[in-house]
Amino acid sequence: MKRLTSWTLVLTVLFASQHLHAAQGTVVDRSSGYWYAYASKLPIGATVRVRTTDGKRHTATLAVVDPESITLELKTRIPEPARRVPYSEILQLELKKNGSPIARSVAIGAGVGAGFFLVMLGIFAASWD
């Protein structure tokens, strides 16, 4: 009986893994047309992260989107002129999401407050006679 149960479990896991792997979707070729369609939907002035074929990563402001390339204003310490990046050189292009500094501050404050409370509770418990 144990052997039957173990074989049933093994076959179920194998079938489920093949089914899940097949359900992941098809691979999309990220050609120039793909990047143009994506970049044209981004708002001008948005902060984007770009990784190019030469291995460089940039955080920049999207300035111009045309059918051949995008123009970026790089966010660097020393100002640089706007850079035109052809779609053929783009490996990754994503919109940078700016997290809410208020939510982050509230989370940090709550963590500090909880830690302080636990320390004081420990000191109180240690001094209890």
N, C-alpha and C. Protein backbone atom coordinates (compact mmCIF):
# COMPACT_ATOMS: atom_id res chain seq x y z
N MET A 1 0.83 -1.20 0.00
CA MET A 1 0.00 0.00 0.00
C MET A 1 0.86 1.26 0.00
N LYS A 2 1.97 1.22 0.77
CA LYS A 2 2.86 2.38 0.81
C LYS A 2 3.50 2.62 -0.54
N ARG A 3 3.83 1.53 -1.23
CA ARG A 3 4.46 1.65 -2.54
C ARG A 3 3.49 2.29 -3.54
N LEU A 4 2.22 1.89 -3.51
CA LEU A 4 1.22 2.45 -4.40
C LEU A 4 1.03 3.95 -4.11
N THR A 5 0.98 4.30 -2.83
CA THR A 5 0.82 5.70 -2.45
C THR A 5 2.02 6.53 -2.90
N SER A 6 3.21 6.00 -2.73
CA SER A 6 4.40 6.75 -3.13
C SER A 6 4.47 6.92 -4.64
N TRP A 7 4.13 5.88 -5.42
CA TRP A 7 4.13 6.01 -6.87
C TRP A 7 3.07 7.02 -7.33
N THR A 8 1.94 6.98 -6.69
CA THR A 8 0.88 7.94 -7.04
C THR A 8 1.35 9.37 -6.76
N LEU A 9 2.02 9.56 -5.65
CA LEU A 9 2.53 10.88 -5.31
C LEU A 9 3.60 11.33 -6.31
N VAL A 10 4.50 10.45 -6.67
CA VAL A 10 5.56 10.79 -7.63
C VAL A 10 4.97 11.16 -8.98
N LEU A 11 4.04 10.37 -9.47
CA LEU A 11 3.41 10.67 -10.76
C LEU A 11 2.62 11.97 -10.72
N THR A 12 1.96 12.24 -9.61
CA THR A 12 1.21 13.49 -9.48
C THR A 12 2.14 14.69 -9.52
N VAL A 13 3.27 14.60 -8.82
CA VAL A 13 4.23 15.71 -8.82
C VAL A 13 4.82 15.91 -10.21
N LEU A 14 5.17 14.83 -10.90
CA LEU A 14 5.72 14.96 -12.25
C LEU A 14 4.71 15.59 -13.21
N PHE A 15 3.47 15.13 -13.14
CA PHE A 15 2.44 15.69 -14.02
C PHE A 15 2.18 17.15 -13.71
N ALA A 16 2.12 17.49 -12.42
CA ALA A 16 1.85 18.88 -12.03
C ALA A 16 2.99 19.80 -12.47
N SER A 17 4.24 19.34 -12.33
CA SER A 17 5.37 20.20 -12.72
C SER A 17 5.39 20.43 -14.23
N GLN A 18 5.07 19.40 -15.02
CA GLN A 18 5.01 19.59 -16.47
C GLN A 18 3.87 20.50 -16.85
N HIS A 19 2.74 20.37 -16.18
CA HIS A 19 1.59 21.21 -16.47
C HIS A 19 1.87 22.67 -16.12
N LEU A 20 2.49 22.91 -14.98
CA LEU A 20 2.82 24.28 -14.57
C LEU A 20 3.85 24.89 -15.50
N HIS A 21 4.83 24.09 -15.92
CA HIS A 21 5.86 24.60 -16.83
C HIS A 21 5.25 24.99 -18.17
N ALA A 22 4.29 24.20 -18.65
CA ALA A 22 3.65 24.49 -19.93
C ALA A 22 2.74 25.71 -19.83
N ALA A 23 2.23 26.02 -18.65
CA ALA A 23 1.30 27.13 -18.48
C ALA A 23 1.99 28.47 -18.27
N GLN A 24 3.31 28.53 -18.34
CA GLN A 24 4.02 29.77 -18.09
C GLN A 24 3.92 30.75 -19.25
N GLY A 25 3.54 30.33 -20.39
CA GLY A 25 3.38 31.24 -21.51
C GLY A 25 4.48 31.07 -22.52
N THR A 26 4.41 31.87 -23.57
CA THR A 26 5.40 31.79 -24.63
C THR A 26 6.46 32.86 -24.43
N VAL A 27 7.62 32.61 -24.98
CA VAL A 27 8.72 33.55 -24.90
C VAL A 27 8.53 34.62 -25.97
N VAL A 28 8.66 35.87 -25.58
CA VAL A 28 8.49 36.99 -26.50
C VAL A 28 9.86 37.50 -26.93
N ASP A 29 10.04 37.67 -28.22
CA ASP A 29 11.29 38.23 -28.74
C ASP A 29 11.26 39.73 -28.50
N ARG A 30 12.21 40.23 -27.75
CA ARG A 30 12.24 41.65 -27.42
C ARG A 30 12.99 42.42 -28.48
N SER A 31 12.34 42.58 -29.60
CA SER A 31 12.92 43.28 -30.74
C SER A 31 12.66 44.78 -30.62
N SER A 32 13.08 45.50 -31.63
CA SER A 32 12.88 46.95 -31.64
C SER A 32 11.40 47.31 -31.57
N GLY A 33 10.57 46.55 -32.27
CA GLY A 33 9.13 46.80 -32.25
C GLY A 33 8.53 46.61 -30.87
N TYR A 34 9.03 45.61 -30.16
CA TYR A 34 8.56 45.36 -28.80
C TYR A 34 8.88 46.55 -27.90
N TRP A 35 10.13 47.02 -27.94
CA TRP A 35 10.53 48.13 -27.07
C TRP A 35 9.84 49.43 -27.47
N TYR A 36 9.60 49.63 -28.77
CA TYR A 36 8.89 50.84 -29.20
C TYR A 36 7.45 50.82 -28.67
N ALA A 37 6.78 49.67 -28.76
CA ALA A 37 5.41 49.57 -28.27
C ALA A 37 5.35 49.83 -26.76
N TYR A 38 6.35 49.32 -26.04
CA TYR A 38 6.38 49.53 -24.59
C TYR A 38 6.69 50.99 -24.25
N ALA A 39 7.73 51.54 -24.88
CA ALA A 39 8.16 52.90 -24.55
C ALA A 39 7.11 53.94 -24.96
N SER A 40 6.37 53.67 -26.01
CA SER A 40 5.37 54.65 -26.45
C SER A 40 4.22 54.78 -25.46
N LYS A 41 4.04 53.79 -24.61
CA LYS A 41 2.98 53.85 -23.60
C LYS A 41 3.44 54.49 -22.29
N LEU A 42 4.74 54.71 -22.14
CA LEU A 42 5.26 55.36 -20.93
C LEU A 42 5.06 56.86 -21.03
N PRO A 43 4.76 57.51 -19.92
CA PRO A 43 4.59 58.97 -19.96
C PRO A 43 5.93 59.68 -20.11
N ILE A 44 5.96 60.70 -20.94
CA ILE A 44 7.17 61.52 -21.09
C ILE A 44 7.43 62.21 -19.76
N GLY A 45 8.68 62.20 -19.34
CA GLY A 45 9.05 62.78 -18.06
C GLY A 45 9.10 61.76 -16.93
N ALA A 46 8.74 60.51 -17.24
CA ALA A 46 8.77 59.46 -16.23
C ALA A 46 10.21 59.03 -15.98
N THR A 47 10.48 58.59 -14.77
CA THR A 47 11.80 58.06 -14.44
C THR A 47 11.83 56.59 -14.82
N VAL A 48 12.83 56.21 -15.62
CA VAL A 48 12.95 54.84 -16.09
C VAL A 48 14.33 54.29 -15.75
N ARG A 49 14.42 52.96 -15.71
CA ARG A 49 15.69 52.27 -15.56
C ARG A 49 15.95 51.55 -16.87
N VAL A 50 17.16 51.71 -17.39
CA VAL A 50 17.52 51.12 -18.68
C VAL A 50 18.79 50.31 -18.51
N ARG A 51 18.81 49.10 -19.09
CA ARG A 51 20.03 48.29 -19.15
C ARG A 51 20.31 48.07 -20.62
N THR A 52 21.53 48.38 -21.04
CA THR A 52 21.90 48.30 -22.45
C THR A 52 22.75 47.07 -22.72
N THR A 53 22.98 46.80 -24.01
CA THR A 53 23.73 45.61 -24.40
C THR A 53 25.19 45.67 -23.98
N ASP A 54 25.72 46.86 -23.73
CA ASP A 54 27.11 46.96 -23.28
C ASP A 54 27.24 46.75 -21.77
N GLY A 55 26.13 46.40 -21.10
CA GLY A 55 26.17 46.06 -19.69
C GLY A 55 25.95 47.23 -18.76
N LYS A 56 25.75 48.41 -19.27
CA LYS A 56 25.56 49.59 -18.42
C LYS A 56 24.10 49.72 -18.01
N ARG A 57 23.90 50.22 -16.79
CA ARG A 57 22.57 50.48 -16.26
C ARG A 57 22.44 51.98 -16.02
N HIS A 58 21.32 52.53 -16.39
CA HIS A 58 21.10 53.96 -16.24
C HIS A 58 19.74 54.20 -15.60
N THR A 59 19.67 55.21 -14.76
CA THR A 59 18.40 55.75 -14.28
C THR A 59 18.27 57.11 -14.96
N ALA A 60 17.16 57.31 -15.65
CA ALA A 60 17.04 58.50 -16.48
C ALA A 60 15.59 58.95 -16.56
N THR A 61 15.42 60.15 -17.10
CA THR A 61 14.10 60.69 -17.38
C THR A 61 13.82 60.50 -18.86
N LEU A 62 12.67 59.93 -19.18
CA LEU A 62 12.29 59.69 -20.57
C LEU A 62 11.91 61.02 -21.22
N ALA A 63 12.63 61.38 -22.28
CA ALA A 63 12.40 62.68 -22.92
C ALA A 63 11.64 62.56 -24.24
N VAL A 64 12.10 61.66 -25.13
CA VAL A 64 11.50 61.53 -26.46
C VAL A 64 11.40 60.05 -26.80
N VAL A 65 10.26 59.66 -27.40
CA VAL A 65 10.09 58.30 -27.92
C VAL A 65 9.79 58.42 -29.40
N ASP A 66 10.65 57.84 -30.23
CA ASP A 66 10.38 57.79 -31.67
C ASP A 66 10.54 56.35 -32.14
N PRO A 67 10.17 56.02 -33.39
CA PRO A 67 10.19 54.63 -33.84
C PRO A 67 11.58 53.97 -33.86
N GLU A 68 12.65 54.74 -33.87
CA GLU A 68 14.00 54.15 -33.94
C GLU A 68 14.70 54.09 -32.59
N SER A 69 14.39 55.03 -31.68
CA SER A 69 15.14 55.11 -30.43
C SER A 69 14.34 55.89 -29.39
N ILE A 70 14.91 55.91 -28.18
CA ILE A 70 14.39 56.77 -27.13
C ILE A 70 15.49 57.74 -26.73
N THR A 71 15.10 58.90 -26.29
CA THR A 71 16.06 59.88 -25.80
C THR A 71 15.88 60.00 -24.30
N LEU A 72 17.01 59.89 -23.59
CA LEU A 72 16.99 59.89 -22.14
C LEU A 72 17.83 61.03 -21.60
N GLU A 73 17.37 61.63 -20.53
CA GLU A 73 18.16 62.59 -19.78
C GLU A 73 18.63 61.87 -18.52
N LEU A 74 19.91 61.50 -18.51
CA LEU A 74 20.46 60.70 -17.43
C LEU A 74 20.48 61.48 -16.13
N LYS A 75 20.20 60.76 -15.05
CA LYS A 75 20.26 61.37 -13.71
C LYS A 75 21.65 61.08 -13.15
N THR A 76 22.53 62.02 -13.36
CA THR A 76 23.91 61.87 -12.88
C THR A 76 24.26 63.06 -12.01
N ARG A 77 25.33 62.89 -11.24
CA ARG A 77 25.78 63.96 -10.37
C ARG A 77 26.27 65.14 -11.20
N ILE A 78 27.02 64.85 -12.25
CA ILE A 78 27.49 65.89 -13.17
C ILE A 78 26.57 65.88 -14.38
N PRO A 79 25.95 67.00 -14.71
CA PRO A 79 24.99 67.02 -15.82
C PRO A 79 25.63 66.57 -17.14
N GLU A 80 24.90 65.76 -17.87
CA GLU A 80 25.33 65.28 -19.18
C GLU A 80 24.27 65.66 -20.20
N PRO A 81 24.66 65.75 -21.47
CA PRO A 81 23.64 66.00 -22.49
C PRO A 81 22.72 64.78 -22.64
N ALA A 82 21.56 65.02 -23.20
CA ALA A 82 20.60 63.93 -23.40
C ALA A 82 21.23 62.87 -24.30
N ARG A 83 20.91 61.62 -24.04
CA ARG A 83 21.49 60.50 -24.78
C ARG A 83 20.39 59.78 -25.55
N ARG A 84 20.68 59.49 -26.80
CA ARG A 84 19.75 58.76 -27.65
C ARG A 84 20.15 57.29 -27.63
N VAL A 85 19.22 56.40 -27.30
CA VAL A 85 19.50 54.98 -27.20
C VAL A 85 18.62 54.23 -28.21
N PRO A 86 19.24 53.60 -29.22
CA PRO A 86 18.45 52.81 -30.17
C PRO A 86 17.83 51.59 -29.49
N TYR A 87 16.68 51.15 -29.97
CA TYR A 87 16.01 50.01 -29.37
C TYR A 87 16.84 48.73 -29.48
N SER A 88 17.68 48.65 -30.49
CA SER A 88 18.51 47.45 -30.66
C SER A 88 19.54 47.30 -29.54
N GLU A 89 19.83 48.38 -28.80
CA GLU A 89 20.79 48.32 -27.71
C GLU A 89 20.15 48.13 -26.34
N ILE A 90 18.82 48.06 -26.30
CA ILE A 90 18.12 47.95 -25.02
C ILE A 90 17.90 46.49 -24.66
N LEU A 91 18.35 46.10 -23.47
CA LEU A 91 18.06 44.77 -22.93
C LEU A 91 16.89 44.82 -21.96
N GLN A 92 16.79 45.92 -21.22
CA GLN A 92 15.72 46.05 -20.23
C GLN A 92 15.33 47.51 -20.12
N LEU A 93 14.05 47.75 -20.07
CA LEU A 93 13.51 49.09 -19.89
C LEU A 93 12.32 48.96 -18.95
N GLU A 94 12.39 49.66 -17.83
CA GLU A 94 11.29 49.56 -16.88
C GLU A 94 11.02 50.91 -16.23
N LEU A 95 9.79 51.12 -15.88
CA LEU A 95 9.37 52.33 -15.19
C LEU A 95 9.79 52.22 -13.73
N LYS A 96 10.48 53.23 -13.24
CA LYS A 96 10.91 53.22 -11.84
C LYS A 96 9.75 53.70 -10.99
N LYS A 97 9.38 52.85 -10.05
CA LYS A 97 8.29 53.20 -9.16
C LYS A 97 8.85 53.90 -7.96
N ASN A 98 8.36 55.07 -7.69
CA ASN A 98 8.82 55.84 -6.53
C ASN A 98 7.94 55.46 -5.35
N GLY A 99 8.55 54.83 -4.36
CA GLY A 99 7.81 54.44 -3.16
C GLY A 99 7.43 55.67 -2.36
N SER A 100 6.39 55.55 -1.59
CA SER A 100 5.92 56.66 -0.78
C SER A 100 6.84 56.84 0.42
N PRO A 101 7.48 58.00 0.56
CA PRO A 101 8.34 58.20 1.72
C PRO A 101 7.55 58.26 3.02
N ILE A 102 6.28 58.62 2.95
CA ILE A 102 5.46 58.69 4.16
C ILE A 102 5.22 57.28 4.69
N ALA A 103 4.87 56.34 3.82
CA ALA A 103 4.62 54.96 4.24
C ALA A 103 5.90 54.34 4.80
N ARG A 104 7.03 54.62 4.17
CA ARG A 104 8.30 54.08 4.66
C ARG A 104 8.63 54.65 6.03
N SER A 105 8.39 55.93 6.22
CA SER A 105 8.65 56.57 7.52
C SER A 105 7.75 56.01 8.61
N VAL A 106 6.50 55.76 8.28
CA VAL A 106 5.57 55.19 9.26
C VAL A 106 6.02 53.78 9.64
N ALA A 107 6.45 52.99 8.65
CA ALA A 107 6.91 51.63 8.94
C ALA A 107 8.16 51.64 9.82
N ILE A 108 9.09 52.53 9.55
CA ILE A 108 10.30 52.62 10.37
C ILE A 108 9.94 53.06 11.79
N GLY A 109 9.08 54.03 11.92
CA GLY A 109 8.66 54.49 13.24
C GLY A 109 7.95 53.41 14.03
N ALA A 110 7.11 52.64 13.36
CA ALA A 110 6.42 51.55 14.05
C ALA A 110 7.40 50.48 14.50
N GLY A 111 8.39 50.18 13.68
CA GLY A 111 9.41 49.20 14.06
C GLY A 111 10.24 49.66 15.24
N VAL A 112 10.64 50.92 15.23
CA VAL A 112 11.41 51.46 16.36
C VAL A 112 10.57 51.47 17.63
N GLY A 113 9.33 51.87 17.52
CA GLY A 113 8.45 51.89 18.69
C GLY A 113 8.23 50.49 19.26
N ALA A 114 8.02 49.50 18.39
CA ALA A 114 7.82 48.12 18.85
C ALA A 114 9.09 47.59 19.51
N GLY A 115 10.25 47.88 18.93
CA GLY A 115 11.51 47.45 19.52
C GLY A 115 11.73 48.08 20.88
N PHE A 116 11.46 49.36 21.01
CA PHE A 116 11.60 50.05 22.29
C PHE A 116 10.67 49.44 23.34
N PHE A 117 9.44 49.17 22.94
CA PHE A 117 8.48 48.57 23.86
C PHE A 117 8.97 47.21 24.36
N LEU A 118 9.50 46.37 23.45
CA LEU A 118 9.99 45.06 23.86
C LEU A 118 11.20 45.16 24.79
N VAL A 119 12.10 46.11 24.52
CA VAL A 119 13.26 46.30 25.40
C VAL A 119 12.79 46.74 26.78
N MET A 120 11.89 47.68 26.85
CA MET A 120 11.40 48.15 28.15
C MET A 120 10.65 47.04 28.88
N LEU A 121 9.90 46.23 28.15
CA LEU A 121 9.20 45.10 28.76
C LEU A 121 10.20 44.09 29.32
N GLY A 122 11.29 43.85 28.61
CA GLY A 122 12.33 42.95 29.09
C GLY A 122 13.02 43.49 30.33
N ILE A 123 13.31 44.78 30.35
CA ILE A 123 13.94 45.39 31.53
C ILE A 123 12.98 45.31 32.71
N PHE A 124 11.72 45.59 32.49
CA PHE A 124 10.73 45.52 33.56
C PHE A 124 10.61 44.09 34.10
N ALA A 125 10.59 43.10 33.20
CA ALA A 125 10.46 41.71 33.62
C ALA A 125 11.71 41.25 34.37
N ALA A 126 12.89 41.73 33.98
CA ALA A 126 14.13 41.35 34.66
C ALA A 126 14.22 41.94 36.06
N SER A 127 13.65 43.11 36.26
CA SER A 127 13.74 43.76 37.57
C SER A 127 12.59 43.38 38.49
N TRP A 128 11.66 42.60 38.02
CA TRP A 128 10.50 42.20 38.83
C TRP A 128 10.91 41.20 39.91
N ASP A 129 10.57 41.47 41.10
CA ASP A 129 10.88 40.55 42.21
C ASP A 129 9.65 39.89 42.73
